Each structure stands twice: as structure tokens, then as C-alpha cells.
PDB file of N, CA and C in Angstrom:
ATOM      1  N   MET A   1     -62.318-150.706-146.204  1.00  0.00           N
ATOM      2  CA  MET A   1     -63.312-149.757-146.558  1.00  0.00           C
ATOM      3  C   MET A   1     -62.644-148.384-146.700  1.00  0.00           C
ATOM      4  N   ALA A   2     -63.157-147.541-147.564  1.00  0.00           N
ATOM      5  CA  ALA A   2     -62.631-146.222-147.749  1.00  0.00           C
ATOM      6  C   ALA A   2     -63.295-145.258-146.774  1.00  0.00           C
ATOM      7  N   VAL A   3     -62.499-144.459-146.093  1.00  0.00           N
ATOM      8  CA  VAL A   3     -63.072-143.525-145.098  1.00  0.00           C
ATOM      9  C   VAL A   3     -62.321-142.192-145.127  1.00  0.00           C
ATOM     10  N   LEU A   4     -62.995-141.173-144.673  1.00  0.00           N
ATOM     11  CA  LEU A   4     -62.392-139.860-144.446  1.00  0.00           C
ATOM     12  C   LEU A   4     -62.349-139.683-142.947  1.00  0.00           C
ATOM     13  N   GLU A   5     -61.147-139.635-142.398  1.00  0.00           N
ATOM     14  CA  GLU A   5     -61.012-139.498-140.940  1.00  0.00           C
ATOM     15  C   GLU A   5     -60.164-138.300-140.605  1.00  0.00           C
ATOM     16  N   GLN A   6     -60.724-137.361-139.875  1.00  0.00           N
ATOM     17  CA  GLN A   6     -60.072-136.141-139.455  1.00  0.00           C
ATOM     18  C   GLN A   6     -59.376-135.424-140.612  1.00  0.00           C
ATOM     19  N   GLY A   7     -60.078-135.359-141.748  1.00  0.00           N
ATOM     20  CA  GLY A   7     -59.608-134.616-142.922  1.00  0.00           C
ATOM     21  C   GLY A   7     -58.643-135.389-143.814  1.00  0.00           C
ATOM     22  N   THR A   8     -58.349-136.634-143.480  1.00  0.00           N
ATOM     23  CA  THR A   8     -57.441-137.427-144.312  1.00  0.00           C
ATOM     24  C   THR A   8     -58.217-138.574-144.911  1.00  0.00           C
ATOM     25  N   TRP A   9     -58.055-138.762-146.251  1.00  0.00           N
ATOM     26  CA  TRP A   9     -58.742-139.868-146.955  1.00  0.00           C
ATOM     27  C   TRP A   9     -57.904-141.104-146.878  1.00  0.00           C
ATOM     28  N   TYR A  10     -58.524-142.186-146.408  1.00  0.00           N
ATOM     29  CA  TYR A  10     -57.885-143.489-146.356  1.00  0.00           C
ATOM     30  C   TYR A  10     -58.610-144.435-147.315  1.00  0.00           C
ATOM     31  N   PRO A  11     -58.000-144.875-148.395  1.00  0.00           N
ATOM     32  CA  PRO A  11     -58.701-145.768-149.331  1.00  0.00           C
ATOM     33  C   PRO A  11     -58.953-147.157-148.784  1.00  0.00           C
ATOM     34  N   ASN A  12     -58.108-147.616-147.885  1.00  0.00           N
ATOM     35  CA  ASN A  12     -58.262-148.972-147.283  1.00  0.00           C
ATOM     36  C   ASN A  12     -58.021-148.888-145.800  1.00  0.00           C
ATOM     37  N   LYS A  13     -59.031-148.859-145.002  1.00  0.00           N
ATOM     38  CA  LYS A  13     -58.898-148.828-143.575  1.00  0.00           C
ATOM     39  C   LYS A  13     -59.987-149.708-142.951  1.00  0.00           C
ATOM     40  N   GLU A  14     -59.609-150.482-141.979  1.00  0.00           N
ATOM     41  CA  GLU A  14     -60.569-151.368-141.310  1.00  0.00           C
ATOM     42  C   GLU A  14     -61.330-150.608-140.224  1.00  0.00           C
ATOM     43  N   VAL A  15     -62.549-151.052-139.963  1.00  0.00           N
ATOM     44  CA  VAL A  15     -63.398-150.386-138.984  1.00  0.00           C
ATOM     45  C   VAL A  15     -62.694-150.329-137.616  1.00  0.00           C
ATOM     46  N   ASN A  16     -62.018-151.410-137.242  1.00  0.00           N
ATOM     47  CA  ASN A  16     -61.363-151.435-135.909  1.00  0.00           C
ATOM     48  C   ASN A  16     -60.187-150.476-135.841  1.00  0.00           C
ATOM     49  N   GLU A  17     -59.727-149.898-136.941  1.00  0.00           N
ATOM     50  CA  GLU A  17     -58.648-148.927-136.950  1.00  0.00           C
ATOM     51  C   GLU A  17     -59.138-147.496-136.809  1.00  0.00           C
ATOM     52  N   LEU A  18     -60.456-147.261-136.863  1.00  0.00           N
ATOM     53  CA  LEU A  18     -60.992-145.940-136.773  1.00  0.00           C
ATOM     54  C   LEU A  18     -60.858-145.410-135.347  1.00  0.00           C
ATOM     55  N   SER A  19     -60.561-144.104-135.219  1.00  0.00           N
ATOM     56  CA  SER A  19     -60.472-143.523-133.876  1.00  0.00           C
ATOM     57  C   SER A  19     -61.881-143.224-133.345  1.00  0.00           C
ATOM     58  N   TYR A  20     -62.854-143.097-134.232  1.00  0.00           N
ATOM     59  CA  TYR A  20     -64.220-142.801-133.804  1.00  0.00           C
ATOM     60  C   TYR A  20     -65.168-143.395-134.852  1.00  0.00           C
ATOM     61  N   GLU A  21     -66.260-143.951-134.385  1.00  0.00           N
ATOM     62  CA  GLU A  21     -67.260-144.492-135.307  1.00  0.00           C
ATOM     63  C   GLU A  21     -68.619-143.917-134.916  1.00  0.00           C
ATOM     64  N   ASP A  22     -69.316-143.325-135.895  1.00  0.00           N
ATOM     65  CA  ASP A  22     -70.646-142.744-135.623  1.00  0.00           C
ATOM     66  C   ASP A  22     -71.624-143.866-135.268  1.00  0.00           C
ATOM     67  N   SER A  23     -72.541-143.528-134.400  1.00  0.00           N
ATOM     68  CA  SER A  23     -73.642-144.459-134.088  1.00  0.00           C
ATOM     69  C   SER A  23     -74.934-143.670-134.026  1.00  0.00           C
ATOM     70  N   PHE A  24     -76.021-144.338-134.242  1.00  0.00           N
ATOM     71  CA  PHE A  24     -77.304-143.693-134.269  1.00  0.00           C
ATOM     72  C   PHE A  24     -78.221-144.314-133.220  1.00  0.00           C
ATOM     73  N   GLU A  25     -79.032-143.493-132.627  1.00  0.00           N
ATOM     74  CA  GLU A  25     -80.048-143.972-131.701  1.00  0.00           C
ATOM     75  C   GLU A  25     -81.396-143.507-132.217  1.00  0.00           C
ATOM     76  N   LEU A  26     -82.364-144.374-132.132  1.00  0.00           N
ATOM     77  CA  LEU A  26     -83.713-143.999-132.561  1.00  0.00           C
ATOM     78  C   LEU A  26     -84.284-142.971-131.608  1.00  0.00           C
ATOM     79  N   PRO A  27     -84.965-141.967-132.153  1.00  0.00           N
ATOM     80  CA  PRO A  27     -85.580-140.952-131.286  1.00  0.00           C
ATOM     81  C   PRO A  27     -86.717-141.589-130.499  1.00  0.00           C
ATOM     82  N   GLN A  28     -87.048-140.982-129.366  1.00  0.00           N
ATOM     83  CA  GLN A  28     -88.112-141.499-128.536  1.00  0.00           C
ATOM     84  C   GLN A  28     -89.443-141.494-129.284  1.00  0.00           C
ATOM     85  N   THR A  29     -89.752-140.358-129.924  1.00  0.00           N
ATOM     86  CA  THR A  29     -90.957-140.258-130.720  1.00  0.00           C
ATOM     87  C   THR A  29     -90.652-139.517-131.997  1.00  0.00           C
ATOM     88  N   ALA A  30     -91.234-139.935-133.068  1.00  0.00           N
ATOM     89  CA  ALA A  30     -91.107-139.257-134.337  1.00  0.00           C
ATOM     90  C   ALA A  30     -92.486-138.905-134.820  1.00  0.00           C
ATOM     91  N   GLU A  31     -92.770-137.607-134.945  1.00  0.00           N
ATOM     92  CA  GLU A  31     -94.088-137.167-135.355  1.00  0.00           C
ATOM     93  C   GLU A  31     -94.262-137.330-136.862  1.00  0.00           C
ATOM     94  N   GLN A  32     -95.321-138.076-137.200  1.00  0.00           N
ATOM     95  CA  GLN A  32     -95.617-138.336-138.594  1.00  0.00           C
ATOM     96  C   GLN A  32     -96.039-137.044-139.303  1.00  0.00           C
ATOM     97  N   ASP A  33     -95.616-136.882-140.567  1.00  0.00           N
ATOM     98  CA  ASP A  33     -95.983-135.746-141.418  1.00  0.00           C
ATOM     99  C   ASP A  33     -95.461-134.387-140.912  1.00  0.00           C
ATOM    100  N   ARG A  34     -94.459-134.405-140.065  1.00  0.00           N
ATOM    101  CA  ARG A  34     -93.894-133.142-139.575  1.00  0.00           C
ATOM    102  C   ARG A  34     -92.795-132.624-140.510  1.00  0.00           C
ATOM    103  N   TYR A  35     -92.040-133.560-141.093  1.00  0.00           N
ATOM    104  CA  TYR A  35     -90.915-133.175-141.949  1.00  0.00           C
ATOM    105  C   TYR A  35     -91.010-133.793-143.337  1.00  0.00           C
ATOM    106  N   HIS A  36     -90.455-133.088-144.296  1.00  0.00           N
ATOM    107  CA  HIS A  36     -90.373-133.595-145.659  1.00  0.00           C
ATOM    108  C   HIS A  36     -88.993-133.232-146.207  1.00  0.00           C
ATOM    109  N   LEU A  37     -88.276-134.203-146.759  1.00  0.00           N
ATOM    110  CA  LEU A  37     -86.976-133.978-147.330  1.00  0.00           C
ATOM    111  C   LEU A  37     -87.060-133.844-148.847  1.00  0.00           C
ATOM    112  N   TYR A  38     -86.650-132.689-149.353  1.00  0.00           N
ATOM    113  CA  TYR A  38     -86.523-132.502-150.783  1.00  0.00           C
ATOM    114  C   TYR A  38     -85.046-132.773-151.101  1.00  0.00           C
ATOM    115  N   MET A  39     -84.782-133.586-152.081  1.00  0.00           N
ATOM    116  CA  MET A  39     -83.408-133.937-152.414  1.00  0.00           C
ATOM    117  C   MET A  39     -83.314-134.247-153.902  1.00  0.00           C
ATOM    118  N   SER A  40     -82.098-134.523-154.355  1.00  0.00           N
ATOM    119  CA  SER A  40     -81.876-135.061-155.690  1.00  0.00           C
ATOM    120  C   SER A  40     -81.224-136.411-155.545  1.00  0.00           C
ATOM    121  N   LEU A  41     -81.840-137.411-156.122  1.00  0.00           N
ATOM    122  CA  LEU A  41     -81.239-138.727-156.093  1.00  0.00           C
ATOM    123  C   LEU A  41     -79.926-138.772-156.834  1.00  0.00           C
ATOM    124  N   ALA A  42     -79.649-137.777-157.676  1.00  0.00           N
ATOM    125  CA  ALA A  42     -78.403-137.714-158.416  1.00  0.00           C
ATOM    126  C   ALA A  42     -77.291-137.031-157.630  1.00  0.00           C
ATOM    127  N   CYS A  43     -77.584-136.442-156.493  1.00  0.00           N
ATOM    128  CA  CYS A  43     -76.582-135.736-155.687  1.00  0.00           C
ATOM    129  C   CYS A  43     -75.833-136.693-154.775  1.00  0.00           C
ATOM    130  N   PRO A  44     -74.514-136.718-154.842  1.00  0.00           N
ATOM    131  CA  PRO A  44     -73.734-137.651-153.997  1.00  0.00           C
ATOM    132  C   PRO A  44     -73.786-137.299-152.528  1.00  0.00           C
ATOM    133  N   PHE A  45     -74.168-136.078-152.193  1.00  0.00           N
ATOM    134  CA  PHE A  45     -74.236-135.684-150.789  1.00  0.00           C
ATOM    135  C   PHE A  45     -75.645-135.875-150.217  1.00  0.00           C
ATOM    136  N   ALA A  46     -76.664-135.741-151.036  1.00  0.00           N
ATOM    137  CA  ALA A  46     -78.036-135.846-150.557  1.00  0.00           C
ATOM    138  C   ALA A  46     -78.424-137.254-150.144  1.00  0.00           C
ATOM    139  N   HIS A  47     -77.693-138.231-150.605  1.00  0.00           N
ATOM    140  CA  HIS A  47     -78.052-139.598-150.252  1.00  0.00           C
ATOM    141  C   HIS A  47     -77.798-139.861-148.756  1.00  0.00           C
ATOM    142  N   ARG A  48     -76.962-139.085-148.116  1.00  0.00           N
ATOM    143  CA  ARG A  48     -76.642-139.333-146.691  1.00  0.00           C
ATOM    144  C   ARG A  48     -77.827-139.170-145.765  1.00  0.00           C
ATOM    145  N   PRO A  49     -78.589-138.059-145.846  1.00  0.00           N
ATOM    146  CA  PRO A  49     -79.758-137.982-144.950  1.00  0.00           C
ATOM    147  C   PRO A  49     -80.811-139.006-145.312  1.00  0.00           C
ATOM    148  N   TYR A  50     -80.883-139.336-146.618  1.00  0.00           N
ATOM    149  CA  TYR A  50     -81.823-140.384-147.078  1.00  0.00           C
ATOM    150  C   TYR A  50     -81.467-141.737-146.466  1.00  0.00           C
ATOM    151  N   LEU A  51     -80.202-142.066-146.434  1.00  0.00           N
ATOM    152  CA  LEU A  51     -79.741-143.299-145.814  1.00  0.00           C
ATOM    153  C   LEU A  51     -80.025-143.327-144.315  1.00  0.00           C
ATOM    154  N   VAL A  52     -79.807-142.201-143.662  1.00  0.00           N
ATOM    155  CA  VAL A  52     -80.076-142.138-142.217  1.00  0.00           C
ATOM    156  C   VAL A  52     -81.561-142.307-141.937  1.00  0.00           C
ATOM    157  N   ILE A  53     -82.420-141.695-142.719  1.00  0.00           N
ATOM    158  CA  ILE A  53     -83.858-141.850-142.559  1.00  0.00           C
ATOM    159  C   ILE A  53     -84.230-143.331-142.669  1.00  0.00           C
ATOM    160  N   ASN A  54     -83.676-143.992-143.654  1.00  0.00           N
ATOM    161  CA  ASN A  54     -83.992-145.414-143.837  1.00  0.00           C
ATOM    162  C   ASN A  54     -83.372-146.279-142.745  1.00  0.00           C
ATOM    163  N   PHE A  55     -82.139-145.967-142.360  1.00  0.00           N
ATOM    164  CA  PHE A  55     -81.433-146.753-141.321  1.00  0.00           C
ATOM    165  C   PHE A  55     -82.153-146.651-139.987  1.00  0.00           C
ATOM    166  N   LEU A  56     -82.651-145.478-139.654  1.00  0.00           N
ATOM    167  CA  LEU A  56     -83.360-145.287-138.389  1.00  0.00           C
ATOM    168  C   LEU A  56     -84.816-145.689-138.439  1.00  0.00           C
ATOM    169  N   GLY A  57     -85.284-146.092-139.617  1.00  0.00           N
ATOM    170  CA  GLY A  57     -86.677-146.535-139.718  1.00  0.00           C
ATOM    171  C   GLY A  57     -87.654-145.369-139.632  1.00  0.00           C
ATOM    172  N   LEU A  58     -87.278-144.199-140.120  1.00  0.00           N
ATOM    173  CA  LEU A  58     -88.140-143.030-140.049  1.00  0.00           C
ATOM    174  C   LEU A  58     -88.937-142.783-141.318  1.00  0.00           C
ATOM    175  N   ASN A  59     -89.049-143.773-142.161  1.00  0.00           N
ATOM    176  CA  ASN A  59     -89.738-143.642-143.453  1.00  0.00           C
ATOM    177  C   ASN A  59     -91.189-143.234-143.282  1.00  0.00           C
ATOM    178  N   ASP A  60     -91.838-143.646-142.220  1.00  0.00           N
ATOM    179  CA  ASP A  60     -93.223-143.292-141.989  1.00  0.00           C
ATOM    180  C   ASP A  60     -93.351-141.872-141.430  1.00  0.00           C
ATOM    181  N   ALA A  61     -92.305-141.375-140.770  1.00  0.00           N
ATOM    182  CA  ALA A  61     -92.389-140.068-140.141  1.00  0.00           C
ATOM    183  C   ALA A  61     -91.842-138.960-141.052  1.00  0.00           C
ATOM    184  N   ILE A  62     -90.894-139.265-141.908  1.00  0.00           N
ATOM    185  CA  ILE A  62     -90.277-138.269-142.772  1.00  0.00           C
ATOM    186  C   ILE A  62     -90.514-138.680-144.214  1.00  0.00           C
ATOM    187  N   THR A  63     -91.254-137.896-144.948  1.00  0.00           N
ATOM    188  CA  THR A  63     -91.487-138.200-146.360  1.00  0.00           C
ATOM    189  C   THR A  63     -90.333-137.592-147.192  1.00  0.00           C
ATOM    190  N   VAL A  64     -90.089-138.195-148.334  1.00  0.00           N
ATOM    191  CA  VAL A  64     -88.980-137.813-149.169  1.00  0.00           C
ATOM    192  C   VAL A  64     -89.454-137.697-150.610  1.00  0.00           C
ATOM    193  N   SER A  65     -88.964-136.655-151.311  1.00  0.00           N
ATOM    194  CA  SER A  65     -89.180-136.585-152.753  1.00  0.00           C
ATOM    195  C   SER A  65     -87.925-136.032-153.390  1.00  0.00           C
ATOM    196  N   SER A  66     -87.763-136.375-154.660  1.00  0.00           N
ATOM    197  CA  SER A  66     -86.579-135.961-155.392  1.00  0.00           C
ATOM    198  C   SER A  66     -86.954-135.070-156.559  1.00  0.00           C
ATOM    199  N   VAL A  67     -86.033-134.132-156.847  1.00  0.00           N
ATOM    200  CA  VAL A  67     -86.193-133.362-158.089  1.00  0.00           C
ATOM    201  C   VAL A  67     -85.700-134.221-159.234  1.00  0.00           C
ATOM    202  N   ALA A  68     -85.830-133.719-160.437  1.00  0.00           N
ATOM    203  CA  ALA A  68     -85.297-134.467-161.594  1.00  0.00           C
ATOM    204  C   ALA A  68     -83.802-134.664-161.447  1.00  0.00           C
ATOM    205  N   ASP A  69     -83.268-135.677-162.102  1.00  0.00           N
ATOM    206  CA  ASP A  69     -81.874-136.016-161.920  1.00  0.00           C
ATOM    207  C   ASP A  69     -80.870-135.185-162.699  1.00  0.00           C
ATOM    208  N   LYS A  70     -81.323-134.027-163.194  1.00  0.00           N
ATOM    209  CA  LYS A  70     -80.424-133.117-163.877  1.00  0.00           C
ATOM    210  C   LYS A  70     -80.755-131.683-163.409  1.00  0.00           C
ATOM    211  N   ARG A  71     -79.698-130.947-163.162  1.00  0.00           N
ATOM    212  CA  ARG A  71     -79.891-129.531-162.796  1.00  0.00           C
ATOM    213  C   ARG A  71     -79.852-128.704-164.072  1.00  0.00           C
ATOM    214  N   TYR A  72     -80.879-127.922-164.275  1.00  0.00           N
ATOM    215  CA  TYR A  72     -81.026-127.088-165.451  1.00  0.00           C
ATOM    216  C   TYR A  72     -80.574-125.672-165.202  1.00  0.00           C
ATOM    217  N   ASP A  73     -80.584-124.821-166.243  1.00  0.00           N
ATOM    218  CA  ASP A  73     -80.224-123.415-166.051  1.00  0.00           C
ATOM    219  C   ASP A  73     -81.132-122.755-165.049  1.00  0.00           C
ATOM    220  N   ASP A  74     -82.380-123.230-164.940  1.00  0.00           N
ATOM    221  CA  ASP A  74     -83.335-122.662-163.985  1.00  0.00           C
ATOM    222  C   ASP A  74     -83.185-123.247-162.592  1.00  0.00           C
ATOM    223  N   GLY A  75     -82.250-124.146-162.396  1.00  0.00           N
ATOM    224  CA  GLY A  75     -82.039-124.778-161.095  1.00  0.00           C
ATOM    225  C   GLY A  75     -82.603-126.211-161.097  1.00  0.00           C
ATOM    226  N   TRP A  76     -82.947-126.664-159.933  1.00  0.00           N
ATOM    227  CA  TRP A  76     -83.483-128.012-159.769  1.00  0.00           C
ATOM    228  C   TRP A  76     -84.976-128.013-160.063  1.00  0.00           C
ATOM    229  N   LEU A  77     -85.399-128.763-161.072  1.00  0.00           N
ATOM    230  CA  LEU A  77     -86.794-128.825-161.488  1.00  0.00           C
ATOM    231  C   LEU A  77     -87.416-130.138-161.134  1.00  0.00           C
ATOM    232  N   PHE A  78     -88.697-130.136-160.983  1.00  0.00           N
ATOM    233  CA  PHE A  78     -89.490-131.374-160.868  1.00  0.00           C
ATOM    234  C   PHE A  78     -89.952-131.731-162.271  1.00  0.00           C
ATOM    235  N   ASP A  79     -90.202-133.024-162.504  1.00  0.00           N
ATOM    236  CA  ASP A  79     -90.683-133.453-163.808  1.00  0.00           C
ATOM    237  C   ASP A  79     -91.797-134.491-163.610  1.00  0.00           C
ATOM    238  N   ASP A  80     -92.201-135.160-164.672  1.00  0.00           N
ATOM    239  CA  ASP A  80     -93.287-136.133-164.584  1.00  0.00           C
ATOM    240  C   ASP A  80     -92.950-137.320-163.689  1.00  0.00           C
ATOM    241  N   VAL A  81     -91.686-137.735-163.698  1.00  0.00           N
ATOM    242  CA  VAL A  81     -91.270-138.879-162.871  1.00  0.00           C
ATOM    243  C   VAL A  81     -91.042-138.445-161.418  1.00  0.00           C
ATOM    244  N   HIS A  82     -90.425-137.283-161.252  1.00  0.00           N
ATOM    245  CA  HIS A  82     -90.126-136.750-159.919  1.00  0.00           C
ATOM    246  C   HIS A  82     -90.954-135.459-159.725  1.00  0.00           C
ATOM    247  N   SER A  83     -92.053-135.561-159.044  1.00  0.00           N
ATOM    248  CA  SER A  83     -92.912-134.391-158.854  1.00  0.00           C
ATOM    249  C   SER A  83     -92.950-134.021-157.381  1.00  0.00           C
ATOM    250  N   ASP A  84     -93.436-132.820-157.118  1.00  0.00           N
ATOM    251  CA  ASP A  84     -93.570-132.335-155.746  1.00  0.00           C
ATOM    252  C   ASP A  84     -94.938-132.780-155.198  1.00  0.00           C
ATOM    253  N   PRO A  85     -94.947-133.721-154.239  1.00  0.00           N
ATOM    254  CA  PRO A  85     -96.216-134.254-153.754  1.00  0.00           C
ATOM    255  C   PRO A  85     -96.932-133.317-152.792  1.00  0.00           C
ATOM    256  N   LEU A  86     -96.255-132.320-152.258  1.00  0.00           N
ATOM    257  CA  LEU A  86     -96.885-131.467-151.263  1.00  0.00           C
ATOM    258  C   LEU A  86     -97.536-130.223-151.848  1.00  0.00           C
ATOM    259  N   TYR A  87     -96.806-129.502-152.716  1.00  0.00           N
ATOM    260  CA  TYR A  87     -97.300-128.210-153.209  1.00  0.00           C
ATOM    261  C   TYR A  87     -97.405-128.178-154.722  1.00  0.00           C
ATOM    262  N   ASN A  88     -97.043-129.241-155.377  1.00  0.00           N
ATOM    263  CA  ASN A  88     -97.098-129.343-156.847  1.00  0.00           C
ATOM    264  C   ASN A  88     -96.270-128.213-157.488  1.00  0.00           C
ATOM    265  N   ALA A  89     -95.138-127.903-156.840  1.00  0.00           N
ATOM    266  CA  ALA A  89     -94.238-126.853-157.375  1.00  0.00           C
ATOM    267  C   ALA A  89     -93.501-127.391-158.594  1.00  0.00           C
ATOM    268  N   GLY A  90     -93.113-126.475-159.464  1.00  0.00           N
ATOM    269  CA  GLY A  90     -92.367-126.866-160.663  1.00  0.00           C
ATOM    270  C   GLY A  90     -90.874-126.929-160.431  1.00  0.00           C
ATOM    271  N   ASP A  91     -90.390-126.221-159.390  1.00  0.00           N
ATOM    272  CA  ASP A  91     -88.971-126.188-159.122  1.00  0.00           C
ATOM    273  C   ASP A  91     -88.726-125.839-157.647  1.00  0.00           C
ATOM    274  N   LEU A  92     -87.488-125.963-157.216  1.00  0.00           N
ATOM    275  CA  LEU A  92     -87.158-125.661-155.826  1.00  0.00           C
ATOM    276  C   LEU A  92     -87.224-124.179-155.496  1.00  0.00           C
ATOM    277  N   VAL A  93     -87.007-123.355-156.502  1.00  0.00           N
ATOM    278  CA  VAL A  93     -87.070-121.880-156.289  1.00  0.00           C
ATOM    279  C   VAL A  93     -88.473-121.505-155.760  1.00  0.00           C
ATOM    280  N   LYS A  94     -89.489-122.096-156.325  1.00  0.00           N
ATOM    281  CA  LYS A  94     -90.876-121.789-155.873  1.00  0.00           C
ATOM    282  C   LYS A  94     -91.078-122.230-154.420  1.00  0.00           C
ATOM    283  N   LEU A  95     -90.445-123.330-154.041  1.00  0.00           N
ATOM    284  CA  LEU A  95     -90.582-123.778-152.660  1.00  0.00           C
ATOM    285  C   LEU A  95     -89.847-122.837-151.697  1.00  0.00           C
ATOM    286  N   TYR A  96     -88.639-122.373-152.105  1.00  0.00           N
ATOM    287  CA  TYR A  96     -87.939-121.389-151.277  1.00  0.00           C
ATOM    288  C   TYR A  96     -88.761-120.120-151.126  1.00  0.00           C
ATOM    289  N   GLN A  97     -89.349-119.650-152.268  1.00  0.00           N
ATOM    290  CA  GLN A  97     -90.161-118.424-152.212  1.00  0.00           C
ATOM    291  C   GLN A  97     -91.402-118.623-151.393  1.00  0.00           C
ATOM    292  N   ARG A  98     -91.971-119.815-151.413  1.00  0.00           N
ATOM    293  CA  ARG A  98     -93.134-120.119-150.586  1.00  0.00           C
ATOM    294  C   ARG A  98     -92.800-120.031-149.103  1.00  0.00           C
ATOM    295  N   ALA A  99     -91.640-120.599-148.752  1.00  0.00           N
ATOM    296  CA  ALA A  99     -91.204-120.610-147.353  1.00  0.00           C
ATOM    297  C   ALA A  99     -90.803-119.244-146.878  1.00  0.00           C
ATOM    298  N   LYS A 100     -90.124-118.486-147.753  1.00  0.00           N
ATOM    299  CA  LYS A 100     -89.651-117.145-147.366  1.00  0.00           C
ATOM    300  C   LYS A 100     -89.665-116.256-148.576  1.00  0.00           C
ATOM    301  N   PRO A 101     -90.754-115.476-148.785  1.00  0.00           N
ATOM    302  CA  PRO A 101     -90.820-114.605-149.917  1.00  0.00           C
ATOM    303  C   PRO A 101     -89.635-113.624-149.925  1.00  0.00           C
ATOM    304  N   GLY A 102     -89.093-113.402-151.105  1.00  0.00           N
ATOM    305  CA  GLY A 102     -87.922-112.536-151.208  1.00  0.00           C
ATOM    306  C   GLY A 102     -86.633-113.218-150.855  1.00  0.00           C
ATOM    307  N   HIS A 103     -86.645-114.517-150.691  1.00  0.00           N
ATOM    308  CA  HIS A 103     -85.430-115.264-150.356  1.00  0.00           C
ATOM    309  C   HIS A 103     -84.371-115.090-151.463  1.00  0.00           C
ATOM    310  N   ASP A 104     -83.120-114.832-151.065  1.00  0.00           N
ATOM    311  CA  ASP A 104     -82.076-114.722-152.045  1.00  0.00           C
ATOM    312  C   ASP A 104     -80.846-115.508-151.636  1.00  0.00           C
TER     313      ASP A 104
END
């Protein structure tokens, strides 16, 4: 398996050769409808929290939505396929401004 360990990329390394392996524990309680993850399914980094949510079985507690799979000159936009289920915002900028007016 390919891994990044302590800043060095190893294209072929076995799990038993790792000096440390992450593990996850389920939280004691997960409050439903407390968190929402905005992400892009096209982002190679955003899939990590999405995988953790699914791995830990937090799908009922943490809702997830994605912006459109292309970043435009205006930033990350929602479209007909990928819409904002909470505030019906057209883009992430509006969500940032909603959370903190004057955000820069």
C-alpha cells in the first residue's frame, strides 16, 4: 500500500512496517443535526473527513453536502445536482458571509 510516513512517501509499504497506525473510536454520543459538512466530491482532500464520517457510522449525526464538481471564477458554487440543503445558498461565499459578516 502507498503511505506517507513522517514526511516520506513510500509507494509500497506493508501495514506491519508502519511505525504508527491511526485508529478511530466511536464517540460516546453524537448529537443529531449538530454538524453539517460542506465539501466538494471533486477535492482529493475533502474525501478524508467524509470517509471518517462513514467509517465511524456518523451518517445520521453529521449531514454532508457537496458543491458542484468544478470551481468557477466566483469560487465553489452549488448547482441543480449539488444544492445547499440548509440555507439554499448559491455558493460558499454566501455561507461564509452568513456565518461571519465581513469575513475575508
